[in-house]
Amino acid sequence: MKPLEPPDSFHVMAAHGWLGLGSPADAAEELGKVAPEFRSHPEVLQTRWTVCASRGQWAACTDLGRLLIEADPADSFGWINRSYALRRAPGGGVEAAYEALLPALDQLKDIEQVTFNLGCYSCLLGRVDEARRWLVKFFALARQGRRLQRAREMALQETDLQPLWPEVGKL
């Protein structure tokens, strides 16, 4: 997709600035200045997702994630963040987040974060053996990218994976 151009790109940058200052209301106002024909641009949708997430508007985040997947199924942002929101949205939950993220394995080239999140969801669902398998895959992908130490640190900081913490160094 064609990159946003000024003045719309400036509105998105300003929205990020407002988010950095802790003002999602001003960020949303700034996004409202984007020309109507560019409001469905992935860059705008991603920023809107971040605004809604900062407000705890998980149902809106789920919808924005769906729109992002439709706009670019090969981009992980929509897949990962739709599931993240679905986990927290009314009528969602961990199982719904897990099921919504599974198809990303067939759509994305870079599945490292997807395997990590599937491991987290599996662990939360009490499926520790399955979570372990996802974590092994996550570590293998991280090893290929020379990020294994960072991946292990990430796993040890994620409370969703607490049942597997004693094993992280061995996987």
N, C-alpha and C. Protein backbone atom coordinates (compact mmCIF):
# COMPACT_ATOMS: atom_id res chain seq x y z
N MET A 1 0.85 -1.18 0.00
CA MET A 1 0.00 0.00 0.00
C MET A 1 0.89 1.24 0.00
N LYS A 2 0.41 2.25 -0.64
CA LYS A 2 1.13 3.52 -0.76
C LYS A 2 1.27 4.18 0.62
N PRO A 3 2.46 4.69 0.94
CA PRO A 3 2.64 5.35 2.24
C PRO A 3 1.78 6.62 2.35
N LEU A 4 1.41 6.93 3.57
CA LEU A 4 0.67 8.17 3.80
C LEU A 4 1.57 9.36 3.48
N GLU A 5 0.97 10.41 3.01
CA GLU A 5 1.71 11.64 2.71
C GLU A 5 1.16 12.76 3.56
N PRO A 6 1.94 13.85 3.69
CA PRO A 6 1.44 15.02 4.43
C PRO A 6 0.17 15.54 3.77
N PRO A 7 -0.74 16.05 4.50
CA PRO A 7 -0.71 16.30 5.94
C PRO A 7 -1.16 15.10 6.78
N ASP A 8 -1.67 14.05 6.11
CA ASP A 8 -2.19 12.91 6.87
C ASP A 8 -1.09 12.20 7.67
N SER A 9 0.09 12.08 7.09
CA SER A 9 1.20 11.45 7.83
C SER A 9 1.56 12.27 9.06
N PHE A 10 1.43 13.59 8.97
CA PHE A 10 1.72 14.44 10.13
C PHE A 10 0.71 14.21 11.24
N HIS A 11 -0.55 13.99 10.86
CA HIS A 11 -1.58 13.73 11.87
C HIS A 11 -1.30 12.42 12.61
N VAL A 12 -0.85 11.41 11.87
CA VAL A 12 -0.51 10.13 12.50
C VAL A 12 0.69 10.31 13.43
N MET A 13 1.70 11.03 12.97
CA MET A 13 2.88 11.28 13.83
C MET A 13 2.48 12.06 15.08
N ALA A 14 1.61 13.03 14.91
CA ALA A 14 1.15 13.82 16.06
C ALA A 14 0.37 12.94 17.03
N ALA A 15 -0.43 12.03 16.49
CA ALA A 15 -1.19 11.11 17.35
C ALA A 15 -0.22 10.27 18.19
N HIS A 16 0.84 9.78 17.57
CA HIS A 16 1.85 9.02 18.32
C HIS A 16 2.49 9.89 19.40
N GLY A 17 2.72 11.15 19.07
CA GLY A 17 3.26 12.06 20.07
C GLY A 17 2.33 12.22 21.26
N TRP A 18 1.04 12.38 20.99
CA TRP A 18 0.07 12.51 22.06
C TRP A 18 0.01 11.23 22.90
N LEU A 19 0.11 10.09 22.23
CA LEU A 19 0.12 8.82 22.98
C LEU A 19 1.34 8.76 23.89
N GLY A 20 2.47 9.20 23.37
CA GLY A 20 3.69 9.22 24.18
C GLY A 20 3.58 10.14 25.38
N LEU A 21 2.77 11.15 25.26
CA LEU A 21 2.53 12.08 26.37
C LEU A 21 1.40 11.61 27.28
N GLY A 22 0.81 10.47 26.96
CA GLY A 22 -0.24 9.92 27.81
C GLY A 22 -1.61 10.54 27.58
N SER A 23 -1.85 11.04 26.38
CA SER A 23 -3.13 11.67 26.09
C SER A 23 -3.82 11.01 24.90
N PRO A 24 -4.49 9.87 25.13
CA PRO A 24 -5.18 9.21 24.02
C PRO A 24 -6.33 10.04 23.45
N ALA A 25 -6.93 10.90 24.25
CA ALA A 25 -8.01 11.74 23.73
C ALA A 25 -7.48 12.68 22.66
N ASP A 26 -6.32 13.30 22.91
CA ASP A 26 -5.73 14.19 21.91
C ASP A 26 -5.24 13.40 20.70
N ALA A 27 -4.76 12.18 20.93
CA ALA A 27 -4.33 11.32 19.82
C ALA A 27 -5.53 11.00 18.92
N ALA A 28 -6.66 10.67 19.53
CA ALA A 28 -7.86 10.36 18.76
C ALA A 28 -8.33 11.59 17.98
N GLU A 29 -8.25 12.74 18.62
CA GLU A 29 -8.64 14.00 17.94
C GLU A 29 -7.74 14.23 16.72
N GLU A 30 -6.47 13.97 16.88
CA GLU A 30 -5.51 14.15 15.78
C GLU A 30 -5.83 13.19 14.64
N LEU A 31 -6.17 11.95 14.95
CA LEU A 31 -6.52 10.98 13.91
C LEU A 31 -7.80 11.38 13.19
N GLY A 32 -8.67 12.09 13.88
CA GLY A 32 -9.90 12.58 13.26
C GLY A 32 -9.64 13.59 12.17
N LYS A 33 -8.44 14.13 12.10
CA LYS A 33 -8.07 15.11 11.07
C LYS A 33 -7.56 14.45 9.79
N VAL A 34 -7.33 13.13 9.85
CA VAL A 34 -6.91 12.41 8.65
C VAL A 34 -8.06 12.45 7.64
N ALA A 35 -7.72 12.69 6.38
CA ALA A 35 -8.74 12.74 5.33
C ALA A 35 -9.53 11.44 5.30
N PRO A 36 -10.83 11.52 5.12
CA PRO A 36 -11.68 10.32 5.15
C PRO A 36 -11.20 9.18 4.25
N GLU A 37 -10.65 9.51 3.10
CA GLU A 37 -10.21 8.45 2.17
C GLU A 37 -8.97 7.70 2.66
N PHE A 38 -8.30 8.22 3.70
CA PHE A 38 -7.11 7.55 4.23
C PHE A 38 -7.33 6.97 5.63
N ARG A 39 -8.54 7.02 6.14
CA ARG A 39 -8.79 6.50 7.50
C ARG A 39 -8.72 4.98 7.58
N SER A 40 -8.78 4.32 6.44
CA SER A 40 -8.65 2.86 6.45
C SER A 40 -7.23 2.43 6.07
N HIS A 41 -6.32 3.37 5.96
CA HIS A 41 -4.92 3.05 5.68
C HIS A 41 -4.35 2.29 6.88
N PRO A 42 -3.57 1.23 6.65
CA PRO A 42 -3.05 0.43 7.77
C PRO A 42 -2.31 1.25 8.83
N GLU A 43 -1.58 2.25 8.42
CA GLU A 43 -0.85 3.08 9.40
C GLU A 43 -1.83 3.82 10.33
N VAL A 44 -2.92 4.28 9.77
CA VAL A 44 -3.94 4.97 10.56
C VAL A 44 -4.66 3.95 11.45
N LEU A 45 -5.00 2.79 10.90
CA LEU A 45 -5.69 1.76 11.69
C LEU A 45 -4.83 1.27 12.84
N GLN A 46 -3.53 1.09 12.60
CA GLN A 46 -2.64 0.66 13.68
C GLN A 46 -2.57 1.70 14.79
N THR A 47 -2.51 2.94 14.40
CA THR A 47 -2.46 4.01 15.41
C THR A 47 -3.78 4.09 16.16
N ARG A 48 -4.88 3.93 15.45
CA ARG A 48 -6.20 3.93 16.10
C ARG A 48 -6.29 2.74 17.07
N TRP A 49 -5.75 1.58 16.68
CA TRP A 49 -5.74 0.42 17.57
C TRP A 49 -5.02 0.79 18.87
N THR A 50 -3.88 1.44 18.76
CA THR A 50 -3.10 1.81 19.94
C THR A 50 -3.87 2.79 20.81
N VAL A 51 -4.56 3.72 20.20
CA VAL A 51 -5.39 4.67 20.95
C VAL A 51 -6.48 3.91 21.71
N CYS A 52 -7.18 3.04 21.01
CA CYS A 52 -8.27 2.28 21.65
C CYS A 52 -7.73 1.36 22.75
N ALA A 53 -6.58 0.75 22.52
CA ALA A 53 -5.99 -0.13 23.54
C ALA A 53 -5.63 0.67 24.79
N SER A 54 -5.12 1.87 24.60
CA SER A 54 -4.75 2.68 25.76
C SER A 54 -5.98 3.08 26.57
N ARG A 55 -7.13 3.01 25.95
CA ARG A 55 -8.40 3.33 26.62
C ARG A 55 -9.13 2.07 27.10
N GLY A 56 -8.56 0.90 26.82
CA GLY A 56 -9.20 -0.34 27.21
C GLY A 56 -10.43 -0.67 26.38
N GLN A 57 -10.50 -0.17 25.16
CA GLN A 57 -11.64 -0.39 24.27
C GLN A 57 -11.36 -1.63 23.41
N TRP A 58 -11.45 -2.80 24.05
CA TRP A 58 -11.02 -4.04 23.42
C TRP A 58 -11.91 -4.49 22.29
N ALA A 59 -13.19 -4.24 22.35
CA ALA A 59 -14.08 -4.62 21.24
C ALA A 59 -13.70 -3.82 19.99
N ALA A 60 -13.43 -2.54 20.16
CA ALA A 60 -13.00 -1.71 19.03
C ALA A 60 -11.65 -2.20 18.51
N CYS A 61 -10.76 -2.57 19.40
CA CYS A 61 -9.45 -3.09 18.99
C CYS A 61 -9.59 -4.38 18.19
N THR A 62 -10.52 -5.22 18.60
CA THR A 62 -10.77 -6.47 17.86
C THR A 62 -11.22 -6.16 16.45
N ASP A 63 -12.13 -5.20 16.30
CA ASP A 63 -12.61 -4.80 14.97
C ASP A 63 -11.48 -4.20 14.13
N LEU A 64 -10.66 -3.37 14.75
CA LEU A 64 -9.54 -2.76 14.03
C LEU A 64 -8.53 -3.83 13.59
N GLY A 65 -8.30 -4.81 14.45
CA GLY A 65 -7.42 -5.91 14.07
C GLY A 65 -7.95 -6.67 12.87
N ARG A 66 -9.24 -6.90 12.86
CA ARG A 66 -9.87 -7.58 11.71
C ARG A 66 -9.68 -6.77 10.44
N LEU A 67 -9.89 -5.46 10.52
CA LEU A 67 -9.70 -4.59 9.35
C LEU A 67 -8.26 -4.61 8.87
N LEU A 68 -7.32 -4.66 9.81
CA LEU A 68 -5.91 -4.71 9.44
C LEU A 68 -5.56 -6.03 8.74
N ILE A 69 -6.12 -7.12 9.22
CA ILE A 69 -5.89 -8.41 8.58
C ILE A 69 -6.46 -8.41 7.16
N GLU A 70 -7.64 -7.84 7.01
CA GLU A 70 -8.24 -7.75 5.67
C GLU A 70 -7.40 -6.88 4.75
N ALA A 71 -6.85 -5.79 5.28
CA ALA A 71 -6.05 -4.87 4.47
C ALA A 71 -4.72 -5.48 4.07
N ASP A 72 -4.10 -6.24 4.98
CA ASP A 72 -2.80 -6.85 4.69
C ASP A 72 -2.62 -8.11 5.52
N PRO A 73 -3.09 -9.25 5.00
CA PRO A 73 -3.01 -10.51 5.75
C PRO A 73 -1.58 -10.96 6.03
N ALA A 74 -0.60 -10.40 5.34
CA ALA A 74 0.79 -10.79 5.54
C ALA A 74 1.49 -9.96 6.62
N ASP A 75 0.78 -9.02 7.21
CA ASP A 75 1.36 -8.19 8.27
C ASP A 75 0.92 -8.73 9.63
N SER A 76 1.86 -8.96 10.49
CA SER A 76 1.57 -9.59 11.78
C SER A 76 0.82 -8.69 12.75
N PHE A 77 0.91 -7.38 12.60
CA PHE A 77 0.28 -6.47 13.57
C PHE A 77 -1.20 -6.79 13.76
N GLY A 78 -1.92 -6.92 12.69
CA GLY A 78 -3.36 -7.19 12.79
C GLY A 78 -3.65 -8.51 13.48
N TRP A 79 -2.94 -9.56 13.10
CA TRP A 79 -3.16 -10.88 13.67
C TRP A 79 -2.88 -10.91 15.17
N ILE A 80 -1.71 -10.43 15.54
CA ILE A 80 -1.28 -10.50 16.94
C ILE A 80 -2.15 -9.60 17.81
N ASN A 81 -2.41 -8.40 17.33
CA ASN A 81 -3.14 -7.46 18.16
C ASN A 81 -4.64 -7.70 18.18
N ARG A 82 -5.17 -8.32 17.13
CA ARG A 82 -6.59 -8.72 17.20
C ARG A 82 -6.76 -9.76 18.29
N SER A 83 -5.86 -10.74 18.33
CA SER A 83 -5.95 -11.78 19.36
C SER A 83 -5.74 -11.20 20.75
N TYR A 84 -4.77 -10.31 20.87
CA TYR A 84 -4.52 -9.66 22.15
C TYR A 84 -5.79 -8.97 22.66
N ALA A 85 -6.47 -8.27 21.76
CA ALA A 85 -7.70 -7.57 22.13
C ALA A 85 -8.83 -8.55 22.39
N LEU A 86 -8.93 -9.57 21.57
CA LEU A 86 -10.01 -10.56 21.72
C LEU A 86 -9.93 -11.25 23.08
N ARG A 87 -8.73 -11.45 23.55
CA ARG A 87 -8.53 -12.05 24.89
C ARG A 87 -9.21 -11.21 25.97
N ARG A 88 -9.25 -9.91 25.76
CA ARG A 88 -9.76 -8.98 26.77
C ARG A 88 -11.16 -8.45 26.48
N ALA A 89 -11.64 -8.65 25.26
CA ALA A 89 -12.93 -8.08 24.84
C ALA A 89 -14.09 -8.84 25.47
N PRO A 90 -15.20 -8.14 25.71
CA PRO A 90 -16.41 -8.83 26.18
C PRO A 90 -16.81 -9.90 25.16
N GLY A 91 -17.09 -11.09 25.66
CA GLY A 91 -17.47 -12.19 24.79
C GLY A 91 -16.29 -12.89 24.14
N GLY A 92 -15.09 -12.44 24.45
CA GLY A 92 -13.88 -13.05 23.90
C GLY A 92 -13.31 -14.05 24.88
N GLY A 93 -12.05 -13.90 25.18
CA GLY A 93 -11.39 -14.78 26.13
C GLY A 93 -10.15 -15.41 25.52
N VAL A 94 -9.46 -16.18 26.34
CA VAL A 94 -8.19 -16.77 25.93
C VAL A 94 -8.40 -17.78 24.80
N GLU A 95 -9.40 -18.63 24.90
CA GLU A 95 -9.64 -19.63 23.84
C GLU A 95 -9.95 -18.94 22.52
N ALA A 96 -10.74 -17.90 22.55
CA ALA A 96 -11.07 -17.16 21.32
C ALA A 96 -9.81 -16.52 20.73
N ALA A 97 -8.97 -15.98 21.59
CA ALA A 97 -7.72 -15.37 21.12
C ALA A 97 -6.83 -16.42 20.47
N TYR A 98 -6.73 -17.58 21.09
CA TYR A 98 -5.92 -18.68 20.55
C TYR A 98 -6.43 -19.09 19.17
N GLU A 99 -7.73 -19.34 19.08
CA GLU A 99 -8.32 -19.79 17.81
C GLU A 99 -8.18 -18.74 16.71
N ALA A 100 -8.26 -17.47 17.08
CA ALA A 100 -8.14 -16.39 16.09
C ALA A 100 -6.71 -16.24 15.59
N LEU A 101 -5.73 -16.60 16.41
CA LEU A 101 -4.33 -16.45 16.02
C LEU A 101 -3.79 -17.64 15.23
N LEU A 102 -4.33 -18.81 15.42
CA LEU A 102 -3.84 -20.01 14.73
C LEU A 102 -3.70 -19.84 13.21
N PRO A 103 -4.68 -19.27 12.51
CA PRO A 103 -4.54 -19.14 11.05
C PRO A 103 -3.37 -18.26 10.61
N ALA A 104 -2.84 -17.45 11.50
CA ALA A 104 -1.70 -16.60 11.15
C ALA A 104 -0.48 -17.44 10.78
N LEU A 105 -0.40 -18.64 11.31
CA LEU A 105 0.73 -19.51 10.99
C LEU A 105 0.83 -19.78 9.49
N ASP A 106 -0.31 -19.82 8.82
CA ASP A 106 -0.34 -20.08 7.38
C ASP A 106 -0.27 -18.80 6.55
N GLN A 107 -0.42 -17.66 7.19
CA GLN A 107 -0.48 -16.39 6.47
C GLN A 107 0.81 -15.57 6.54
N LEU A 108 1.59 -15.79 7.59
CA LEU A 108 2.75 -14.95 7.84
C LEU A 108 4.05 -15.68 7.55
N LYS A 109 5.05 -14.92 7.13
CA LYS A 109 6.39 -15.48 6.97
C LYS A 109 7.13 -15.50 8.29
N ASP A 110 7.00 -14.42 9.05
CA ASP A 110 7.67 -14.30 10.35
C ASP A 110 6.66 -14.66 11.43
N ILE A 111 6.80 -15.87 11.98
CA ILE A 111 5.81 -16.36 12.96
C ILE A 111 6.37 -16.43 14.37
N GLU A 112 7.52 -15.82 14.59
CA GLU A 112 8.15 -15.91 15.91
C GLU A 112 7.21 -15.41 17.02
N GLN A 113 6.67 -14.20 16.88
CA GLN A 113 5.79 -13.65 17.90
C GLN A 113 4.50 -14.44 18.01
N VAL A 114 4.03 -14.97 16.88
CA VAL A 114 2.81 -15.78 16.88
C VAL A 114 3.01 -17.02 17.74
N THR A 115 4.15 -17.71 17.58
CA THR A 115 4.39 -18.91 18.37
C THR A 115 4.49 -18.58 19.86
N PHE A 116 5.09 -17.44 20.17
CA PHE A 116 5.18 -17.01 21.57
C PHE A 116 3.78 -16.80 22.15
N ASN A 117 2.95 -16.06 21.43
CA ASN A 117 1.60 -15.79 21.93
C ASN A 117 0.76 -17.05 22.03
N LEU A 118 0.89 -17.95 21.07
CA LEU A 118 0.16 -19.22 21.15
C LEU A 118 0.62 -20.03 22.36
N GLY A 119 1.90 -19.95 22.68
CA GLY A 119 2.41 -20.59 23.89
C GLY A 119 1.79 -20.00 25.14
N CYS A 120 1.69 -18.68 25.17
CA CYS A 120 1.06 -18.02 26.32
C CYS A 120 -0.39 -18.44 26.48
N TYR A 121 -1.13 -18.40 25.36
CA TYR A 121 -2.54 -18.76 25.42
C TYR A 121 -2.72 -20.22 25.85
N SER A 122 -1.88 -21.11 25.30
CA SER A 122 -1.96 -22.53 25.67
C SER A 122 -1.72 -22.72 27.16
N CYS A 123 -0.74 -22.02 27.68
CA CYS A 123 -0.41 -22.13 29.10
C CYS A 123 -1.59 -21.65 29.95
N LEU A 124 -2.17 -20.52 29.57
CA LEU A 124 -3.32 -19.99 30.32
C LEU A 124 -4.51 -20.94 30.28
N LEU A 125 -4.61 -21.70 29.19
CA LEU A 125 -5.70 -22.67 29.06
C LEU A 125 -5.41 -23.98 29.77
N GLY A 126 -4.24 -24.05 30.41
CA GLY A 126 -3.88 -25.25 31.16
C GLY A 126 -3.29 -26.34 30.29
N ARG A 127 -3.00 -26.03 29.06
CA ARG A 127 -2.42 -27.00 28.13
C ARG A 127 -0.90 -26.82 28.10
N VAL A 128 -0.27 -27.21 29.19
CA VAL A 128 1.15 -26.92 29.39
C VAL A 128 2.04 -27.66 28.40
N ASP A 129 1.71 -28.90 28.06
CA ASP A 129 2.51 -29.64 27.08
C ASP A 129 2.47 -28.93 25.72
N GLU A 130 1.31 -28.47 25.33
CA GLU A 130 1.17 -27.74 24.08
C GLU A 130 1.93 -26.42 24.16
N ALA A 131 1.83 -25.73 25.28
CA ALA A 131 2.56 -24.48 25.48
C ALA A 131 4.06 -24.70 25.35
N ARG A 132 4.53 -25.79 25.90
CA ARG A 132 5.96 -26.14 25.82
C ARG A 132 6.38 -26.30 24.35
N ARG A 133 5.54 -26.97 23.57
CA ARG A 133 5.86 -27.17 22.14
C ARG A 133 5.93 -25.82 21.41
N TRP A 134 4.99 -24.93 21.72
CA TRP A 134 5.03 -23.60 21.10
C TRP A 134 6.29 -22.85 21.52
N LEU A 135 6.66 -22.98 22.76
CA LEU A 135 7.85 -22.28 23.26
C LEU A 135 9.12 -22.84 22.62
N VAL A 136 9.18 -24.15 22.43
CA VAL A 136 10.33 -24.75 21.75
C VAL A 136 10.44 -24.19 20.33
N LYS A 137 9.32 -24.07 19.65
CA LYS A 137 9.32 -23.51 18.30
C LYS A 137 9.74 -22.03 18.33
N PHE A 138 9.23 -21.30 19.30
CA PHE A 138 9.60 -19.88 19.46
C PHE A 138 11.11 -19.74 19.65
N PHE A 139 11.68 -20.57 20.52
CA PHE A 139 13.11 -20.50 20.77
C PHE A 139 13.92 -20.90 19.53
N ALA A 140 13.44 -21.88 18.78
CA ALA A 140 14.14 -22.29 17.55
C ALA A 140 14.17 -21.14 16.55
N LEU A 141 13.05 -20.45 16.41
CA LEU A 141 13.00 -19.30 15.50
C LEU A 141 13.89 -18.16 16.01
N ALA A 142 13.88 -17.94 17.30
CA ALA A 142 14.73 -16.90 17.89
C ALA A 142 16.21 -17.25 17.70
N ARG A 143 16.53 -18.52 17.83
CA ARG A 143 17.92 -18.97 17.64
C ARG A 143 18.38 -18.67 16.21
N GLN A 144 17.51 -18.92 15.24
CA GLN A 144 17.84 -18.64 13.84
C GLN A 144 18.15 -17.16 13.63
N GLY A 145 17.43 -16.32 14.33
CA GLY A 145 17.63 -14.88 14.22
C GLY A 145 18.63 -14.33 15.21
N ARG A 146 19.33 -15.22 15.90
CA ARG A 146 20.34 -14.84 16.89
C ARG A 146 19.76 -13.97 18.01
N ARG A 147 18.55 -14.34 18.43
CA ARG A 147 17.85 -13.61 19.49
C ARG A 147 17.46 -14.54 20.64
N LEU A 148 18.16 -15.66 20.78
CA LEU A 148 17.76 -16.66 21.76
C LEU A 148 17.80 -16.12 23.19
N GLN A 149 18.85 -15.42 23.55
CA GLN A 149 18.94 -14.89 24.92
C GLN A 149 17.79 -13.93 25.20
N ARG A 150 17.50 -13.06 24.25
CA ARG A 150 16.39 -12.11 24.41
C ARG A 150 15.06 -12.86 24.50
N ALA A 151 14.91 -13.92 23.72
CA ALA A 151 13.68 -14.72 23.75
C ALA A 151 13.50 -15.37 25.11
N ARG A 152 14.58 -15.90 25.67
CA ARG A 152 14.48 -16.52 27.00
C ARG A 152 14.12 -15.48 28.06
N GLU A 153 14.72 -14.31 27.97
CA GLU A 153 14.38 -13.23 28.92
C GLU A 153 12.92 -12.85 28.79
N MET A 154 12.44 -12.78 27.57
CA MET A 154 11.04 -12.45 27.32
C MET A 154 10.12 -13.49 27.96
N ALA A 155 10.45 -14.76 27.78
CA ALA A 155 9.64 -15.84 28.35
C ALA A 155 9.64 -15.79 29.87
N LEU A 156 10.77 -15.43 30.45
CA LEU A 156 10.87 -15.38 31.92
C LEU A 156 10.18 -14.15 32.51
N GLN A 157 9.88 -13.19 31.69
CA GLN A 157 9.16 -12.00 32.16
C GLN A 157 7.65 -12.12 31.96
N GLU A 158 7.23 -13.08 31.15
CA GLU A 158 5.81 -13.23 30.82
C GLU A 158 5.13 -14.14 31.84
N THR A 159 4.29 -13.53 32.68
CA THR A 159 3.64 -14.30 33.74
C THR A 159 2.69 -15.37 33.19
N ASP A 160 2.20 -15.21 31.96
CA ASP A 160 1.35 -16.25 31.37
C ASP A 160 2.10 -17.58 31.29
N LEU A 161 3.43 -17.51 31.19
CA LEU A 161 4.25 -18.72 31.02
C LEU A 161 4.86 -19.21 32.33
N GLN A 162 4.41 -18.70 33.44
CA GLN A 162 5.01 -19.03 34.74
C GLN A 162 5.15 -20.54 34.99
N PRO A 163 4.18 -21.37 34.60
CA PRO A 163 4.36 -22.81 34.83
C PRO A 163 5.59 -23.39 34.10
N LEU A 164 6.06 -22.70 33.07
CA LEU A 164 7.20 -23.20 32.30
C LEU A 164 8.52 -22.51 32.65
N TRP A 165 8.50 -21.55 33.54
CA TRP A 165 9.72 -20.82 33.88
C TRP A 165 10.87 -21.74 34.28
N PRO A 166 10.65 -22.79 35.08
CA PRO A 166 11.79 -23.65 35.46
C PRO A 166 12.45 -24.34 34.25
N GLU A 167 11.73 -24.44 33.14
CA GLU A 167 12.24 -25.15 31.97
C GLU A 167 12.85 -24.25 30.92
N VAL A 168 12.66 -22.94 31.04
CA VAL A 168 13.04 -22.03 29.96
C VAL A 168 14.49 -22.18 29.54
N GLY A 169 15.40 -22.34 30.46
CA GLY A 169 16.82 -22.47 30.13
C GLY A 169 17.16 -23.77 29.43
N LYS A 170 16.27 -24.76 29.53
CA LYS A 170 16.53 -26.09 28.96
C LYS A 170 15.90 -26.27 27.58
N LEU A 171 14.95 -25.42 27.24
CA LEU A 171 14.23 -25.59 25.98
C LEU A 171 15.02 -25.04 24.80
